[in-house]
Every structure is written in structure tokens, then in C-alpha cells.
Amino acid sequence: MAVITQFVVVREGVEKMTFTSKKEADAYDKMLDIADNLLPFIQASELELDEAECEKLAFYFASNKDELAGLLKGAPVAKKAPAKKAAKKEQSE
């Protein structure tokens, strides 16, 4: 019988994700913290976004924090195809 160690990220009593390494679980938890911190900032904008859209935007910014930090420092945008479009393109070929 094998023993498998799992690290579970839980937020407000809800299991969000399970990982096999503590490092990955900690990184995901930190990303969720960043998204939580971004939420009031996005909601304070003049954009008329509903709560779900604000959460998606906060999650997107948090997931891409390194690229976003570079952009805020004035670095040029990295030219790459969005993941969704690239995946659809590959499926159609």
C-alpha cells in the first residue's frame, strides 16, 4: 500500500485545490491572497463590473503577477498567444 501526502488549499471552508508538494500549495495560497487583496482595488474603479467579473479579473491579475509587475514598471508586453486561442487553434488542426 502506497502512502500519498497531499496538501489541500482551503478557503472559507471550501477546498480549492489539492497539491502533492507543499511549495505548490503555498504558492497557490499566496496567489489567492493576492487576488483577495486586489478585489477591493478593482471594485473601487469606475468600471461597471459585477462581483463575478471582479473576482475573475483579480484572479487573472494574481495568476499573472510577475508579468503585471513588469508592465507596471514600464516593461513592454510579452508577445504571446492567449492560452485559450492557442488551445483552440491546435484542436482545429
Protein backbone atom coordinates (compact mmCIF):
# COMPACT_ATOMS: atom_id res chain seq x y z
CA MET A 1 0.00 0.00 0.00
CA ALA A 2 1.39 3.39 -1.00
CA VAL A 3 1.19 6.45 1.20
CA ILE A 4 0.44 9.69 -0.64
CA THR A 5 0.91 13.03 1.05
CA GLN A 6 -1.42 15.73 -0.21
CA PHE A 7 -1.60 19.42 0.59
CA VAL A 8 -5.06 20.94 0.34
CA VAL A 9 -5.73 24.64 -0.01
CA VAL A 10 -8.97 25.50 1.81
CA ARG A 11 -10.62 28.95 1.76
CA GLU A 12 -13.65 29.77 3.89
CA GLY A 13 -14.30 26.08 4.44
CA VAL A 14 -14.18 25.25 0.72
CA GLU A 15 -11.50 23.02 -0.76
CA LYS A 16 -9.94 24.99 -3.62
CA MET A 17 -7.11 22.78 -4.86
CA THR A 18 -5.02 19.76 -3.89
CA PHE A 19 -1.26 19.53 -4.46
CA THR A 20 1.42 16.91 -3.93
CA SER A 21 4.02 19.43 -2.78
CA LYS A 22 3.89 22.00 0.00
CA LYS A 23 5.70 24.53 -2.19
CA GLU A 24 2.98 24.40 -4.87
CA ALA A 25 0.21 24.61 -2.27
CA ASP A 26 1.85 27.63 -0.61
CA ALA A 27 2.29 29.36 -3.99
CA TYR A 28 -1.39 28.81 -4.85
CA ASP A 29 -2.47 30.04 -1.41
CA LYS A 30 -0.34 33.16 -1.84
CA MET A 31 -1.89 33.76 -5.28
CA LEU A 32 -5.36 33.55 -3.71
CA ASP A 33 -4.25 36.07 -1.04
CA ILE A 34 -3.11 38.45 -3.79
CA ALA A 35 -6.45 38.03 -5.61
CA ASP A 36 -8.30 38.78 -2.36
CA ASN A 37 -6.22 41.93 -1.91
CA LEU A 38 -6.85 43.06 -5.50
CA LEU A 39 -10.62 42.68 -5.25
CA PRO A 40 -11.36 45.96 -3.37
CA PHE A 41 -8.97 47.82 -5.70
CA ILE A 42 -10.84 46.59 -8.79
CA GLN A 43 -14.26 47.20 -7.22
CA ALA A 44 -13.25 50.80 -6.42
CA SER A 45 -12.66 51.51 -10.11
CA GLU A 46 -15.18 53.28 -12.30
CA LEU A 47 -15.66 50.09 -14.30
CA GLU A 48 -19.14 48.69 -14.01
CA LEU A 49 -18.26 45.07 -13.32
CA ASP A 50 -20.37 42.63 -11.36
CA GLU A 51 -18.82 40.73 -8.47
CA ALA A 52 -18.05 37.60 -10.53
CA GLU A 53 -16.22 39.64 -13.17
CA CYS A 54 -14.23 41.46 -10.48
CA GLU A 55 -13.23 38.11 -8.97
CA LYS A 56 -12.16 36.74 -12.37
CA LEU A 57 -10.12 39.85 -13.08
CA ALA A 58 -8.47 39.74 -9.64
CA PHE A 59 -7.67 36.03 -10.12
CA TYR A 60 -6.22 36.75 -13.58
CA PHE A 61 -4.03 39.57 -12.29
CA ALA A 62 -2.87 37.44 -9.35
CA SER A 63 -2.10 34.45 -11.60
CA ASN A 64 0.00 36.68 -13.85
CA LYS A 65 1.53 38.83 -11.11
CA ASP A 66 5.09 38.69 -12.44
CA GLU A 67 4.10 39.90 -15.91
CA LEU A 68 1.77 42.51 -14.38
CA ALA A 69 4.54 43.79 -12.11
CA GLY A 70 6.80 44.19 -15.16
CA LEU A 71 4.09 46.07 -17.02
CA LEU A 72 3.56 48.41 -14.06
CA LYS A 73 7.31 49.10 -14.07
CA GLY A 74 7.14 50.07 -17.75
CA ALA A 75 8.39 46.84 -19.32
CA PRO A 76 6.97 46.04 -22.78
CA VAL A 77 4.20 43.49 -23.16
CA ALA A 78 5.45 39.99 -23.95
CA LYS A 79 4.08 38.89 -27.32
CA LYS A 80 2.42 35.51 -26.93
CA ALA A 81 -0.85 33.97 -28.00
CA PRO A 82 -3.52 33.74 -25.30
CA ALA A 83 -3.79 30.21 -23.91
CA LYS A 84 -7.44 29.75 -24.88
CA LYS A 85 -6.96 30.78 -28.51
CA ALA A 86 -3.77 28.72 -28.88
CA ALA A 87 -5.52 25.63 -27.50
CA LYS A 88 -8.50 26.07 -29.86
CA LYS A 89 -6.15 26.58 -32.82
CA GLU A 90 -4.29 23.34 -32.05
CA GLN A 91 -7.56 21.38 -31.73
CA SER A 92 -8.83 22.57 -35.10
CA GLU A 93 -5.66 21.43 -36.93
